[in-house]
Amino acid sequence: MIIQCRQCSAKFRFDDALMRPEGVWVRCGLCQYEFYQGRSFAAPSDPQSGMSDIEEIPINHEADVPPALLQEGVPAEPMIGNKIEDIRPVADSRKRSSPGRLRILFYALALVVILAGAGFLVFPEIAQQVIDEGSAYLPWIEKETPKPVSVGDGIRIEGVKQRFVTNAVMGNLRVVEGVVFNETGRHLGRLQMKVTLVDARNNWLGEKRAYAGRMLSDEELTALSGEDMNRRMAGPEGSEASNDRILPGVSVPFMIVWAAEPPGGAKTFVAVAAVDRLPEPQ
């Protein structure tokens, strides 16, 4: 079989036994250009002589050689005429994939992605579990950072006010009062409040804590000693309102008494210090 280079027009003899039904990729022995060759013969064989017609037909060398090659001084003899060089298929590593196979592979991958996405939408819990387990092996999959639960989530603070009361023994007392509402939807217990004292530049000066439900009257604030006052405010169960079990939607008052506070106090901040979230009753 005689084939011709697509780039430099050189003609070569190709072994028919190496030809495949779908054709082969070959490399020109002169210019190294690679091209696809199908099953087509350049010329039929002569049954009388038993020789290929291409070997008997005289060829005008200069007419068959591209002008660019003549200008560069490339000799025409090795490429054309009676001297036809042999050529072999390009190595298998140069074979190109069939477009049909690539298209099938693309459709298969697209179908897998679509089915996986639909499954994640229908079963979000399973999807999250797969992501969590896969993140241990795929470092670029990041787990969603859970939002930290604040101690006071679902507990609303209202009616906060503060005043100063003069005690006969301890002098001026800072009294902070307010009401807390249980909006968590769960039963709460041992709710503890805190007051943070800062100066004009928001520098921390100190902190006081007290259980909700513990209240003192004005007479007790002015007459009790520091030891008696601490004993009255120490119990977690509450005196004026129950602090053992705060039902959903129920409010509880609180009071924090601060004696002998550090100098320079300018502002106070009230927040939930601690709370027990009780199990639901059976």
Protein backbone atom coordinates (compact mmCIF):
# COMPACT_ATOMS: atom_id res chain seq x y z
CA MET A 1 0.00 0.00 0.00
CA ILE A 2 1.34 3.45 -0.96
CA ILE A 3 0.47 6.44 1.25
CA GLN A 4 1.43 10.09 0.96
CA CYS A 5 2.36 12.54 3.76
CA ARG A 6 -0.25 15.25 4.26
CA GLN A 7 2.39 17.88 4.97
CA CYS A 8 5.44 17.33 2.75
CA SER A 9 3.75 15.10 0.11
CA ALA A 10 6.39 12.39 0.45
CA LYS A 11 5.23 8.93 -0.63
CA PHE A 12 5.91 5.77 1.35
CA ARG A 13 5.28 2.05 1.13
CA PHE A 14 3.10 0.82 4.02
CA ASP A 15 2.80 -2.84 5.01
CA ASP A 16 -0.83 -3.88 4.48
CA ALA A 17 -0.58 -6.32 7.38
CA LEU A 18 -0.18 -3.39 9.78
CA MET A 19 -3.38 -1.69 8.60
CA ARG A 20 -6.39 -1.93 10.92
CA PRO A 21 -10.07 -1.78 9.95
CA GLU A 22 -10.51 1.65 11.53
CA GLY A 23 -7.21 2.97 10.12
CA VAL A 24 -3.96 3.92 11.87
CA TRP A 25 -1.92 6.97 12.85
CA VAL A 26 1.46 7.15 11.08
CA ARG A 27 4.50 9.42 11.23
CA CYS A 28 6.30 10.72 8.15
CA GLY A 29 9.87 9.46 8.03
CA LEU A 30 11.06 12.75 6.50
CA CYS A 31 9.27 15.65 8.25
CA GLN A 32 8.04 13.66 11.27
CA TYR A 33 4.49 14.87 10.70
CA GLU A 34 1.80 12.58 12.11
CA PHE A 35 -1.46 11.98 10.27
CA TYR A 36 -4.36 9.54 10.16
CA GLN A 37 -4.39 6.99 7.34
CA GLY A 38 -7.52 5.06 6.44
CA ARG A 39 -7.82 1.89 4.37
CA SER A 40 -7.27 3.34 0.89
CA PHE A 41 -4.68 2.37 -1.72
CA ALA A 42 -2.84 4.86 -3.79
CA ALA A 43 -2.71 2.59 -6.86
CA PRO A 44 -3.73 -0.97 -7.79
CA SER A 45 -1.13 -3.62 -8.53
CA ASP A 46 -0.42 -4.76 -12.10
CA PRO A 47 -1.43 -8.44 -12.43
CA GLN A 48 0.89 -9.02 -15.43
CA SER A 49 4.08 -7.67 -13.94
CA GLY A 50 3.31 -8.48 -10.32
CA MET A 51 4.76 -5.12 -9.37
CA SER A 52 3.08 -2.00 -8.03
CA ASP A 53 2.23 0.59 -10.70
CA ILE A 54 3.83 3.29 -8.62
CA GLU A 55 7.25 1.70 -9.15
CA GLU A 56 6.94 1.79 -12.97
CA ILE A 57 5.52 5.29 -13.55
CA PRO A 58 8.23 7.92 -13.94
CA ILE A 59 7.60 10.96 -11.73
CA ASN A 60 8.76 14.53 -12.24
CA HIS A 61 10.66 15.12 -8.99
CA GLU A 62 10.51 18.89 -8.99
CA ALA A 63 6.81 18.98 -9.89
CA ASP A 64 5.89 16.69 -6.98
CA VAL A 65 7.98 18.41 -4.30
CA PRO A 66 6.32 21.34 -2.49
CA PRO A 67 7.98 24.72 -3.31
CA ALA A 68 8.77 25.34 0.37
CA LEU A 69 10.89 22.19 0.53
CA LEU A 70 12.79 23.09 -2.67
CA GLN A 71 13.59 26.55 -1.30
CA GLU A 72 14.97 25.01 1.87
CA GLY A 73 17.17 22.66 -0.16
CA VAL A 74 15.46 19.44 0.89
CA PRO A 75 16.39 16.68 -1.58
CA ALA A 76 13.43 15.25 -3.47
CA GLU A 77 14.91 11.83 -4.24
CA PRO A 78 14.21 10.14 -0.90
CA MET A 79 10.59 11.27 -0.94
CA ILE A 80 9.22 10.50 -4.39
CA GLY A 81 9.85 8.72 -7.62
CA ASN A 82 10.99 5.14 -7.89
CA LYS A 83 12.53 5.21 -4.39
CA ILE A 84 9.64 4.84 -1.96
CA GLU A 85 10.60 4.62 1.70
CA ASP A 86 8.83 2.30 4.13
CA ILE A 87 6.63 3.71 6.90
CA ARG A 88 5.15 2.10 9.99
CA PRO A 89 2.27 3.02 12.33
CA VAL A 90 2.85 5.42 15.20
CA ALA A 91 3.29 3.81 18.62
CA ASP A 92 0.09 2.80 20.43
CA SER A 93 0.62 5.57 23.04
CA ARG A 94 -0.27 8.12 20.35
CA LYS A 95 -3.66 6.61 19.63
CA ARG A 96 -6.56 8.93 20.18
CA SER A 97 -9.71 7.99 22.02
CA SER A 98 -12.82 7.50 20.03
CA PRO A 99 -15.16 10.52 20.23
CA GLY A 100 -18.09 8.18 20.80
CA ARG A 101 -16.49 6.65 23.90
CA LEU A 102 -15.70 10.08 25.36
CA ARG A 103 -19.29 11.18 24.80
CA ILE A 104 -20.63 8.07 26.55
CA LEU A 105 -18.25 8.60 29.47
CA PHE A 106 -19.34 12.24 29.81
CA TYR A 107 -23.03 11.31 29.85
CA ALA A 108 -22.40 8.60 32.44
CA LEU A 109 -20.57 11.02 34.77
CA ALA A 110 -23.31 13.64 34.32
CA LEU A 111 -25.96 11.06 35.22
CA VAL A 112 -24.06 10.07 38.38
CA VAL A 113 -23.77 13.72 39.47
CA ILE A 114 -27.48 14.36 38.86
CA LEU A 115 -28.54 11.24 40.78
CA ALA A 116 -26.20 12.10 43.68
CA GLY A 117 -27.55 15.66 43.86
CA ALA A 118 -31.14 14.41 43.86
CA GLY A 119 -30.31 11.95 46.61
CA PHE A 120 -28.73 14.67 48.75
CA LEU A 121 -31.87 16.81 48.39
CA VAL A 122 -34.24 13.97 49.30
CA PHE A 123 -32.09 12.60 52.15
CA PRO A 124 -30.15 15.56 53.67
CA GLU A 125 -29.23 13.60 56.81
CA ILE A 126 -27.52 10.89 54.76
CA ALA A 127 -25.80 13.56 52.66
CA GLN A 128 -24.39 15.25 55.75
CA GLN A 129 -23.20 11.89 57.09
CA VAL A 130 -21.42 11.14 53.81
CA ILE A 131 -19.74 14.56 53.85
CA ASP A 132 -18.65 14.12 57.47
CA GLU A 133 -17.18 10.68 56.81
CA GLY A 134 -15.57 11.74 53.53
CA SER A 135 -13.92 14.79 55.04
CA ALA A 136 -11.60 12.50 56.99
CA TYR A 137 -10.14 11.24 53.68
CA LEU A 138 -10.63 14.35 51.51
CA PRO A 139 -8.93 17.29 53.24
CA TRP A 140 -10.50 19.86 50.89
CA ILE A 141 -13.97 18.96 52.20
CA GLU A 142 -14.47 21.05 55.26
CA LYS A 143 -16.94 20.20 57.94
CA GLU A 144 -19.49 22.83 58.79
CA THR A 145 -18.44 24.44 62.04
CA PRO A 146 -21.31 24.09 64.51
CA LYS A 147 -22.57 27.31 65.95
CA PRO A 148 -21.65 27.52 69.65
CA VAL A 149 -24.67 27.45 71.93
CA SER A 150 -24.74 30.38 74.33
CA VAL A 151 -25.71 29.78 77.93
CA GLY A 152 -28.46 32.34 77.69
CA ASP A 153 -30.00 31.20 74.38
CA GLY A 154 -33.79 31.35 74.70
CA ILE A 155 -33.69 33.30 77.99
CA ARG A 156 -34.92 36.88 77.65
CA ILE A 157 -33.86 39.55 80.14
CA GLU A 158 -36.17 42.50 80.73
CA GLY A 159 -36.78 45.39 83.16
CA VAL A 160 -33.14 45.70 84.26
CA LYS A 161 -32.54 48.61 86.61
CA GLN A 162 -29.99 49.48 89.24
CA ARG A 163 -30.01 51.66 92.32
CA PHE A 164 -27.88 52.42 95.33
CA VAL A 165 -29.03 51.61 98.86
CA THR A 166 -27.24 52.74 102.02
CA ASN A 167 -26.65 49.88 104.44
CA ALA A 168 -26.09 50.65 108.13
CA VAL A 169 -22.99 48.43 108.29
CA MET A 170 -21.54 48.19 104.74
CA GLY A 171 -22.32 51.63 103.38
CA ASN A 172 -23.48 52.04 99.76
CA LEU A 173 -24.75 48.91 98.00
CA ARG A 174 -25.23 48.63 94.25
CA VAL A 175 -28.47 46.75 93.65
CA VAL A 176 -29.23 45.39 90.15
CA GLU A 177 -32.70 43.95 89.50
CA GLY A 178 -34.63 42.53 86.59
CA VAL A 179 -36.78 39.70 85.23
CA VAL A 180 -35.87 36.70 83.08
CA PHE A 181 -38.30 34.84 80.79
CA ASN A 182 -37.92 31.18 79.84
CA GLU A 183 -38.47 31.08 76.05
CA THR A 184 -36.42 27.95 75.40
CA GLY A 185 -39.44 25.65 75.25
CA ARG A 186 -37.80 23.43 77.88
CA HIS A 187 -37.82 23.17 81.65
CA LEU A 188 -34.98 25.07 83.31
CA GLY A 189 -33.49 25.00 86.79
CA ARG A 190 -30.84 26.67 88.98
CA LEU A 191 -30.76 29.79 86.80
CA GLN A 192 -27.88 32.04 87.86
CA MET A 193 -27.37 35.65 86.79
CA LYS A 194 -24.22 37.80 86.76
CA VAL A 195 -23.35 41.49 86.69
CA THR A 196 -20.04 42.62 85.19
CA LEU A 197 -18.63 46.00 86.25
CA VAL A 198 -16.36 47.99 83.89
CA ASP A 199 -14.83 51.47 83.95
CA ALA A 200 -15.31 54.29 81.44
CA ARG A 201 -12.89 52.57 79.00
CA ASN A 202 -14.67 49.20 79.31
CA ASN A 203 -11.88 47.72 81.40
CA TRP A 204 -13.11 44.82 83.52
CA LEU A 205 -13.30 45.62 87.23
CA GLY A 206 -15.19 42.69 88.70
CA GLU A 207 -18.19 40.36 88.60
CA LYS A 208 -20.97 39.33 90.98
CA ARG A 209 -23.39 36.38 90.70
CA ALA A 210 -26.69 35.44 92.30
CA TYR A 211 -29.43 32.85 91.75
CA ALA A 212 -32.70 33.98 90.20
CA GLY A 213 -35.72 33.99 92.50
CA ARG A 214 -33.72 35.30 95.49
CA MET A 215 -34.93 38.77 96.50
CA LEU A 216 -34.40 41.12 99.49
CA SER A 217 -36.69 43.88 100.67
CA ASP A 218 -35.49 47.46 101.18
CA GLU A 219 -35.59 46.94 104.96
CA GLU A 220 -33.31 43.90 104.64
CA LEU A 221 -30.96 45.76 102.30
CA THR A 222 -30.51 48.57 104.83
CA ALA A 223 -30.34 46.49 108.02
CA LEU A 224 -28.75 43.10 107.30
CA SER A 225 -25.06 42.46 107.83
CA GLY A 226 -22.90 41.21 104.99
CA GLU A 227 -22.89 37.67 106.41
CA ASP A 228 -26.68 37.54 106.78
CA MET A 229 -27.19 39.03 103.35
CA ASN A 230 -24.92 36.43 101.71
CA ARG A 231 -26.75 33.64 103.51
CA ARG A 232 -30.15 34.90 102.32
CA MET A 233 -28.93 35.13 98.70
CA ALA A 234 -27.02 31.82 98.62
CA GLY A 235 -29.79 29.28 98.03
CA PRO A 236 -30.32 28.13 94.39
CA GLU A 237 -33.96 27.19 94.92
CA GLY A 238 -35.31 30.77 95.11
CA SER A 239 -37.23 32.53 97.86
CA GLU A 240 -39.73 34.76 96.06
CA ALA A 241 -40.15 32.50 93.01
CA SER A 242 -39.23 28.90 92.23
CA ASN A 243 -35.82 28.44 90.64
CA ASP A 244 -35.84 24.64 90.84
CA ARG A 245 -38.05 24.15 87.78
CA ILE A 246 -38.84 27.09 85.53
CA LEU A 247 -41.53 26.05 83.08
CA PRO A 248 -41.57 27.30 79.47
CA GLY A 249 -43.09 30.79 79.28
CA VAL A 250 -42.61 31.47 83.00
CA SER A 251 -40.70 34.54 84.29
CA VAL A 252 -38.48 34.74 87.38
CA PRO A 253 -37.17 37.92 89.09
CA PHE A 254 -33.52 38.30 90.05
CA MET A 255 -31.48 40.61 92.28
CA ILE A 256 -27.72 41.05 92.59
CA VAL A 257 -26.30 43.04 95.50
CA TRP A 258 -22.76 44.43 95.27
CA ALA A 259 -21.10 45.78 98.41
CA ALA A 260 -17.67 47.43 98.53
CA GLU A 261 -17.27 47.51 94.74
CA PRO A 262 -13.92 48.59 93.27
CA PRO A 263 -13.52 52.30 92.48
CA GLY A 264 -13.96 53.64 88.97
CA GLY A 265 -17.07 51.63 88.09
CA ALA A 266 -18.96 53.32 85.25
CA LYS A 267 -21.13 50.68 83.54
CA THR A 268 -22.63 47.29 84.30
CA PHE A 269 -23.62 44.41 82.02
CA VAL A 270 -26.20 41.77 82.96
CA ALA A 271 -26.17 38.25 81.50
CA VAL A 272 -27.04 34.62 82.27
CA ALA A 273 -24.15 32.99 84.12
CA ALA A 274 -25.40 29.39 84.30
CA VAL A 275 -28.55 27.32 83.94
CA ASP A 276 -29.59 23.67 84.06
CA ARG A 277 -31.72 22.44 81.14
CA LEU A 278 -33.89 19.80 82.78
CA PRO A 279 -35.24 16.67 81.04
CA GLU A 280 -38.84 16.76 79.96
CA PRO A 281 -41.28 15.16 82.42
CA GLN A 282 -42.57 11.73 81.43
